[in-house]
Amino acid sequence: MDNGAAWHWASCDAGVGIIPRFSQQNIKLVSRPMAERYGIAKVKWRLAGEGPEFVPQPIDVGKFSGAT
């Protein structure tokens, strides 16, 4: 992934960009200036596997049980 692709996929995560249905589908990628117009900023990317291991946060089941 390059920097331009990172900005496009960040805009897709934010609901601004279009996710292609098929890999052959040609769509206009969202550029950095266009993404910044929608308030998307500070996009960072890294290669998969190069970074801290994902550790999920514990879930407080009491929040979702509906009991008071």
C-alpha atoms as a PDB file:
ATOM      1  CA  MET A   1       0.000   0.000   0.000  1.00  0.00           C
ATOM      2  CA  ASP A   2       1.313   3.430  -0.803  1.00  0.00           C
ATOM      3  CA  ASN A   3       0.429   6.773   0.751  1.00  0.00           C
ATOM      4  CA  GLY A   4      -2.298   7.540  -1.797  1.00  0.00           C
ATOM      5  CA  ALA A   5      -3.989   4.197  -1.241  1.00  0.00           C
ATOM      6  CA  ALA A   6      -3.804   4.723   2.522  1.00  0.00           C
ATOM      7  CA  TRP A   7      -5.716   8.004   2.193  1.00  0.00           C
ATOM      8  CA  HIS A   8      -8.326   6.346  -0.011  1.00  0.00           C
ATOM      9  CA  TRP A   9      -8.924   3.441   2.385  1.00  0.00           C
ATOM     10  CA  ALA A  10      -9.012   5.798   5.369  1.00  0.00           C
ATOM     11  CA  SER A  11     -11.758   7.723   3.568  1.00  0.00           C
ATOM     12  CA  CYS A  12     -13.605   4.434   2.969  1.00  0.00           C
ATOM     13  CA  ASP A  13     -13.385   3.681   6.696  1.00  0.00           C
ATOM     14  CA  ALA A  14     -14.867   7.120   7.360  1.00  0.00           C
ATOM     15  CA  GLY A  15     -17.722   6.524   4.900  1.00  0.00           C
ATOM     16  CA  VAL A  16     -16.526   9.045   2.320  1.00  0.00           C
ATOM     17  CA  GLY A  17     -14.759   6.861  -0.239  1.00  0.00           C
ATOM     18  CA  ILE A  18     -16.198   4.131  -2.439  1.00  0.00           C
ATOM     19  CA  ILE A  19     -15.177   0.526  -1.837  1.00  0.00           C
ATOM     20  CA  PRO A  20     -14.882  -1.225  -5.207  1.00  0.00           C
ATOM     21  CA  ARG A  21     -17.138  -4.255  -5.621  1.00  0.00           C
ATOM     22  CA  PHE A  22     -14.667  -6.124  -7.786  1.00  0.00           C
ATOM     23  CA  SER A  23     -10.926  -5.754  -8.114  1.00  0.00           C
ATOM     24  CA  GLN A  24     -11.382  -4.905 -11.793  1.00  0.00           C
ATOM     25  CA  GLN A  25     -13.798  -2.055 -11.061  1.00  0.00           C
ATOM     26  CA  ASN A  26     -12.202   1.288 -11.827  1.00  0.00           C
ATOM     27  CA  ILE A  27     -13.183   3.964  -9.346  1.00  0.00           C
ATOM     28  CA  LYS A  28     -11.783   7.387  -8.650  1.00  0.00           C
ATOM     29  CA  LEU A  29      -9.569   7.177  -5.580  1.00  0.00           C
ATOM     30  CA  VAL A  30     -10.008   9.776  -2.855  1.00  0.00           C
ATOM     31  CA  SER A  31      -6.877  11.918  -2.710  1.00  0.00           C
ATOM     32  CA  ARG A  32      -5.360  13.490   0.384  1.00  0.00           C
ATOM     33  CA  PRO A  33      -6.703  17.006  -0.363  1.00  0.00           C
ATOM     34  CA  MET A  34     -10.210  15.637  -0.976  1.00  0.00           C
ATOM     35  CA  ALA A  35     -10.099  13.549   2.213  1.00  0.00           C
ATOM     36  CA  GLU A  36      -8.919  16.560   4.213  1.00  0.00           C
ATOM     37  CA  ARG A  37     -11.920  18.541   2.953  1.00  0.00           C
ATOM     38  CA  TYR A  38     -14.095  15.967   4.698  1.00  0.00           C
ATOM     39  CA  GLY A  39     -12.099  16.285   7.935  1.00  0.00           C
ATOM     40  CA  ILE A  40      -9.936  13.185   7.590  1.00  0.00           C
ATOM     41  CA  ALA A  41      -6.460  13.894   8.945  1.00  0.00           C
ATOM     42  CA  LYS A  42      -3.336  12.248  10.337  1.00  0.00           C
ATOM     43  CA  VAL A  43      -3.539   9.080   8.238  1.00  0.00           C
ATOM     44  CA  LYS A  44      -0.746   6.618   9.009  1.00  0.00           C
ATOM     45  CA  TRP A  45      -0.151   3.189   7.563  1.00  0.00           C
ATOM     46  CA  ARG A  46       2.314   0.383   8.053  1.00  0.00           C
ATOM     47  CA  LEU A  47       2.987  -3.006   6.547  1.00  0.00           C
ATOM     48  CA  ALA A  48       0.977  -5.838   8.028  1.00  0.00           C
ATOM     49  CA  GLY A  49       2.826  -7.559  10.831  1.00  0.00           C
ATOM     50  CA  GLU A  50       5.081  -4.585  11.537  1.00  0.00           C
ATOM     51  CA  GLY A  51       3.775  -3.082  14.705  1.00  0.00           C
ATOM     52  CA  PRO A  52       2.475  -3.864  18.139  1.00  0.00           C
ATOM     53  CA  GLU A  53       0.388  -6.959  18.611  1.00  0.00           C
ATOM     54  CA  PHE A  54      -3.334  -6.268  18.853  1.00  0.00           C
ATOM     55  CA  VAL A  55      -4.592  -6.810  22.391  1.00  0.00           C
ATOM     56  CA  PRO A  56      -8.375  -6.472  22.745  1.00  0.00           C
ATOM     57  CA  GLN A  57      -9.667  -4.517  25.714  1.00  0.00           C
ATOM     58  CA  PRO A  58     -11.690  -6.441  28.302  1.00  0.00           C
ATOM     59  CA  ILE A  59     -15.454  -6.087  27.946  1.00  0.00           C
ATOM     60  CA  ASP A  60     -17.603  -5.072  30.908  1.00  0.00           C
ATOM     61  CA  VAL A  61     -20.582  -7.380  30.404  1.00  0.00           C
ATOM     62  CA  GLY A  62     -22.584  -5.437  32.998  1.00  0.00           C
ATOM     63  CA  LYS A  63     -22.876  -2.514  30.578  1.00  0.00           C
ATOM     64  CA  PHE A  64     -24.823  -4.620  28.106  1.00  0.00           C
ATOM     65  CA  SER A  65     -26.903  -6.861  30.356  1.00  0.00           C
ATOM     66  CA  GLY A  66     -29.678  -4.297  30.835  1.00  0.00           C
ATOM     67  CA  ALA A  67     -29.648  -4.785  34.600  1.00  0.00           C
ATOM     68  CA  THR A  68     -29.373  -1.718  36.773  1.00  0.00           C
END
